[in-house]
C-alpha atoms as a PDB file:
ATOM      1  CA  MET A   1      62.017  42.132  29.656  1.00  0.00           C
ATOM      2  CA  ASP A   2      63.787  44.696  27.542  1.00  0.00           C
ATOM      3  CA  ILE A   3      62.139  46.789  24.860  1.00  0.00           C
ATOM      4  CA  ARG A   4      62.679  45.072  21.516  1.00  0.00           C
ATOM      5  CA  LEU A   5      62.929  48.162  19.331  1.00  0.00           C
ATOM      6  CA  ASP A   6      61.636  51.689  18.905  1.00  0.00           C
ATOM      7  CA  TYR A   7      58.993  51.248  16.245  1.00  0.00           C
ATOM      8  CA  TYR A   8      58.710  54.996  15.682  1.00  0.00           C
ATOM      9  CA  THR A   9      62.284  55.185  14.378  1.00  0.00           C
ATOM     10  CA  ALA A  10      62.415  51.690  12.843  1.00  0.00           C
ATOM     11  CA  SER A  11      59.585  52.399  10.372  1.00  0.00           C
ATOM     12  CA  PRO A  12      58.426  56.019  10.291  1.00  0.00           C
ATOM     13  CA  ASP A  13      56.152  55.350   7.295  1.00  0.00           C
ATOM     14  CA  ALA A  14      54.266  52.586   9.090  1.00  0.00           C
ATOM     15  CA  LEU A  15      53.872  54.765  12.172  1.00  0.00           C
ATOM     16  CA  LYS A  16      52.722  57.663  10.012  1.00  0.00           C
ATOM     17  CA  ALA A  17      49.787  55.510   8.877  1.00  0.00           C
ATOM     18  CA  ILE A  18      48.833  54.677  12.471  1.00  0.00           C
ATOM     19  CA  MET A  19      49.230  58.313  13.474  1.00  0.00           C
ATOM     20  CA  LEU A  20      46.812  59.349  10.694  1.00  0.00           C
ATOM     21  CA  LEU A  21      44.276  56.911  12.104  1.00  0.00           C
ATOM     22  CA  GLU A  22      44.914  58.249  15.603  1.00  0.00           C
ATOM     23  CA  ALA A  23      44.487  61.841  14.398  1.00  0.00           C
ATOM     24  CA  ALA A  24      41.089  60.942  12.935  1.00  0.00           C
ATOM     25  CA  ASN A  25      40.035  59.808  16.414  1.00  0.00           C
ATOM     26  CA  PHE A  26      40.245  63.384  17.730  1.00  0.00           C
ATOM     27  CA  ASP A  27      37.169  64.367  15.721  1.00  0.00           C
ATOM     28  CA  LEU A  28      34.983  61.397  16.621  1.00  0.00           C
ATOM     29  CA  CYS A  29      31.630  62.285  18.152  1.00  0.00           C
ATOM     30  CA  VAL A  30      31.643  60.082  21.267  1.00  0.00           C
ATOM     31  CA  GLU A  31      32.443  62.031  24.431  1.00  0.00           C
ATOM     32  CA  LYS A  32      36.135  62.113  25.382  1.00  0.00           C
ATOM     33  CA  SER A  33      35.544  60.802  28.906  1.00  0.00           C
ATOM     34  CA  LEU A  34      33.933  57.640  27.540  1.00  0.00           C
ATOM     35  CA  MET A  35      36.646  57.287  24.894  1.00  0.00           C
ATOM     36  CA  GLU A  36      39.314  57.228  27.620  1.00  0.00           C
ATOM     37  CA  LEU A  37      37.422  54.522  29.511  1.00  0.00           C
ATOM     38  CA  VAL A  38      37.165  52.492  26.316  1.00  0.00           C
ATOM     39  CA  LYS A  39      40.867  52.933  25.527  1.00  0.00           C
ATOM     40  CA  LEU A  40      41.788  51.916  29.054  1.00  0.00           C
ATOM     41  CA  ARG A  41      39.475  48.898  28.964  1.00  0.00           C
ATOM     42  CA  VAL A  42      40.846  47.676  25.620  1.00  0.00           C
ATOM     43  CA  SER A  43      44.385  48.101  26.962  1.00  0.00           C
ATOM     44  CA  GLN A  44      43.466  46.046  30.034  1.00  0.00           C
ATOM     45  CA  LEU A  45      42.031  43.275  27.865  1.00  0.00           C
ATOM     46  CA  ASN A  46      45.178  43.258  25.730  1.00  0.00           C
ATOM     47  CA  ASP A  47      47.557  43.323  28.736  1.00  0.00           C
ATOM     48  CA  CYS A  48      49.140  46.529  27.416  1.00  0.00           C
ATOM     49  CA  ALA A  49      50.759  48.162  30.433  1.00  0.00           C
ATOM     50  CA  PHE A  50      52.064  51.132  28.446  1.00  0.00           C
ATOM     51  CA  CYS A  51      48.670  52.118  27.010  1.00  0.00           C
ATOM     52  CA  ALA A  52      46.782  51.286  30.217  1.00  0.00           C
ATOM     53  CA  ASP A  53      49.071  53.614  32.144  1.00  0.00           C
ATOM     54  CA  MET A  54      48.727  56.359  29.547  1.00  0.00           C
ATOM     55  CA  HIS A  55      44.922  56.205  29.352  1.00  0.00           C
ATOM     56  CA  ALA A  56      44.402  55.898  33.109  1.00  0.00           C
ATOM     57  CA  THR A  57      46.609  58.963  33.546  1.00  0.00           C
ATOM     58  CA  GLN A  58      44.691  60.864  30.860  1.00  0.00           C
ATOM     59  CA  ALA A  59      41.333  59.838  32.340  1.00  0.00           C
ATOM     60  CA  ARG A  60      42.435  61.128  35.766  1.00  0.00           C
ATOM     61  CA  HIS A  61      43.642  64.353  34.153  1.00  0.00           C
ATOM     62  CA  ASN A  62      40.195  64.729  32.542  1.00  0.00           C
ATOM     63  CA  GLY A  63      38.502  64.341  35.933  1.00  0.00           C
ATOM     64  CA  GLU A  64      37.703  60.629  36.043  1.00  0.00           C
ATOM     65  CA  SER A  65      37.469  59.278  39.593  1.00  0.00           C
ATOM     66  CA  GLU A  66      39.916  56.748  40.992  1.00  0.00           C
ATOM     67  CA  ARG A  67      36.965  54.666  42.128  1.00  0.00           C
ATOM     68  CA  ARG A  68      35.573  54.284  38.602  1.00  0.00           C
ATOM     69  CA  LEU A  69      39.025  53.589  37.194  1.00  0.00           C
ATOM     70  CA  HIS A  70      39.500  50.791  39.735  1.00  0.00           C
ATOM     71  CA  ASN A  71      36.038  49.410  38.962  1.00  0.00           C
ATOM     72  CA  LEU A  72      36.670  49.337  35.223  1.00  0.00           C
ATOM     73  CA  LEU A  73      38.292  45.912  35.633  1.00  0.00           C
ATOM     74  CA  VAL A  74      34.976  44.604  36.961  1.00  0.00           C
ATOM     75  CA  TRP A  75      32.608  46.935  35.110  1.00  0.00           C
ATOM     76  CA  GLN A  76      30.043  44.140  34.568  1.00  0.00           C
ATOM     77  CA  GLN A  77      29.505  43.864  38.329  1.00  0.00           C
ATOM     78  CA  SER A  78      29.916  47.564  39.131  1.00  0.00           C
ATOM     79  CA  THR A  79      27.063  50.030  39.588  1.00  0.00           C
ATOM     80  CA  LEU A  80      29.329  53.018  38.909  1.00  0.00           C
ATOM     81  CA  PHE A  81      28.786  53.127  35.133  1.00  0.00           C
ATOM     82  CA  THR A  82      25.781  54.454  33.240  1.00  0.00           C
ATOM     83  CA  ARG A  83      23.793  52.300  30.841  1.00  0.00           C
ATOM     84  CA  ARG A  84      25.398  54.132  27.932  1.00  0.00           C
ATOM     85  CA  GLU A  85      28.885  53.460  29.342  1.00  0.00           C
ATOM     86  CA  ARG A  86      27.998  49.817  30.020  1.00  0.00           C
ATOM     87  CA  ALA A  87      26.771  49.368  26.436  1.00  0.00           C
ATOM     88  CA  ALA A  88      30.029  50.876  25.126  1.00  0.00           C
ATOM     89  CA  LEU A  89      32.153  48.726  27.439  1.00  0.00           C
ATOM     90  CA  ALA A  90      30.286  45.564  26.432  1.00  0.00           C
ATOM     91  CA  TRP A  91      30.839  46.459  22.764  1.00  0.00           C
ATOM     92  CA  CYS A  92      34.478  47.217  23.537  1.00  0.00           C
ATOM     93  CA  ASP A  93      34.966  43.787  25.126  1.00  0.00           C
ATOM     94  CA  ALA A  94      33.235  41.975  22.244  1.00  0.00           C
ATOM     95  CA  VAL A  95      35.120  43.835  19.496  1.00  0.00           C
ATOM     96  CA  THR A  96      38.473  43.381  21.235  1.00  0.00           C
ATOM     97  CA  VAL A  97      38.128  39.723  22.216  1.00  0.00           C
ATOM     98  CA  LEU A  98      36.713  38.271  19.009  1.00  0.00           C
ATOM     99  CA  ASP A  99      35.214  34.818  19.422  1.00  0.00           C
ATOM    100  CA  GLY A 100      34.827  33.937  15.751  1.00  0.00           C
ATOM    101  CA  ALA A 101      31.157  34.918  15.551  1.00  0.00           C
ATOM    102  CA  GLY A 102      31.797  38.552  16.429  1.00  0.00           C
ATOM    103  CA  PRO A 103      29.559  40.654  18.662  1.00  0.00           C
ATOM    104  CA  SER A 104      26.063  39.216  19.026  1.00  0.00           C
ATOM    105  CA  ASP A 105      22.917  40.779  17.585  1.00  0.00           C
ATOM    106  CA  ALA A 106      21.612  41.318  21.121  1.00  0.00           C
ATOM    107  CA  LEU A 107      24.752  43.213  22.076  1.00  0.00           C
ATOM    108  CA  TYR A 108      24.551  45.305  18.907  1.00  0.00           C
ATOM    109  CA  GLU A 109      20.893  46.130  19.571  1.00  0.00           C
ATOM    110  CA  GLN A 110      21.764  47.150  23.144  1.00  0.00           C
ATOM    111  CA  LEU A 111      24.500  49.419  21.801  1.00  0.00           C
ATOM    112  CA  CYS A 112      22.099  51.004  19.305  1.00  0.00           C
ATOM    113  CA  GLU A 113      19.690  51.886  22.127  1.00  0.00           C
ATOM    114  CA  HIS A 114      22.319  54.308  23.461  1.00  0.00           C
ATOM    115  CA  PHE A 115      24.307  55.394  20.402  1.00  0.00           C
ATOM    116  CA  SER A 116      23.462  56.807  16.975  1.00  0.00           C
ATOM    117  CA  ASP A 117      24.742  55.042  13.852  1.00  0.00           C
ATOM    118  CA  LYS A 118      27.587  57.583  13.597  1.00  0.00           C
ATOM    119  CA  GLU A 119      28.500  57.062  17.249  1.00  0.00           C
ATOM    120  CA  VAL A 120      28.515  53.269  16.780  1.00  0.00           C
ATOM    121  CA  VAL A 121      30.965  53.581  13.897  1.00  0.00           C
ATOM    122  CA  ASP A 122      33.075  56.189  15.729  1.00  0.00           C
ATOM    123  CA  LEU A 123      33.214  54.027  18.857  1.00  0.00           C
ATOM    124  CA  THR A 124      34.225  50.987  16.797  1.00  0.00           C
ATOM    125  CA  VAL A 125      36.968  52.949  15.019  1.00  0.00           C
ATOM    126  CA  ALA A 126      38.286  54.095  18.402  1.00  0.00           C
ATOM    127  CA  ILE A 127      38.304  50.487  19.649  1.00  0.00           C
ATOM    128  CA  ALA A 128      40.102  49.315  16.495  1.00  0.00           C
ATOM    129  CA  THR A 129      42.665  52.112  16.825  1.00  0.00           C
ATOM    130  CA  ILE A 130      43.605  51.375  20.431  1.00  0.00           C
ATOM    131  CA  ASN A 131      43.761  47.663  19.581  1.00  0.00           C
ATOM    132  CA  CYS A 132      46.326  48.566  16.908  1.00  0.00           C
ATOM    133  CA  TRP A 133      48.392  50.631  19.360  1.00  0.00           C
ATOM    134  CA  ASN A 134      48.185  47.853  21.959  1.00  0.00           C
ATOM    135  CA  ARG A 135      49.476  45.287  19.512  1.00  0.00           C
ATOM    136  CA  MET A 136      52.430  47.497  18.640  1.00  0.00           C
ATOM    137  CA  ALA A 137      53.293  48.251  22.260  1.00  0.00           C
ATOM    138  CA  VAL A 138      52.896  44.652  23.463  1.00  0.00           C
ATOM    139  CA  SER A 139      54.769  43.159  20.493  1.00  0.00           C
ATOM    140  CA  PHE A 140      57.763  45.435  20.992  1.00  0.00           C
ATOM    141  CA  ARG A 141      57.546  45.543  24.821  1.00  0.00           C
ATOM    142  CA  LYS A 142      56.991  49.277  25.202  1.00  0.00           C
ATOM    143  CA  LYS A 143      56.895  50.096  28.915  1.00  0.00           C
ATOM    144  CA  PRO A 144      55.353  52.933  30.913  1.00  0.00           C
ATOM    145  CA  ALA A 145      57.800  55.525  32.214  1.00  0.00           C
ATOM    146  CA  LEU A 146      58.769  55.084  35.840  1.00  0.00           C
END
């Protein structure tokens, strides 16, 4: 499948808005290593090959192990992630794949055991941001470089 269009050049103003949101993500308080796992996981859930490739590459560059990256697809059954990471990944899955009711109270309470209020909001903004990027890349068929 061919790329449909280059959304950066087709609507610079729209992309400027997304880029402002992305720039705000750089100052969020959740650790960068966890943010990359979250961005990769959201991209996996959304079948976004471009973003999955980019965030797996960045995670490796930041020192993430191949083993953990491979286990991210099955994080629920893996013992390679901390409780804090598991709470973030569960939140990530629930916020990305909305079921109409939204994330459960039990899931929210589990998240709050490991994250401050600020971290919960920052994590949710990061999840929303990568969901936005995924929707752009998937809709316009952006592909990873070979």
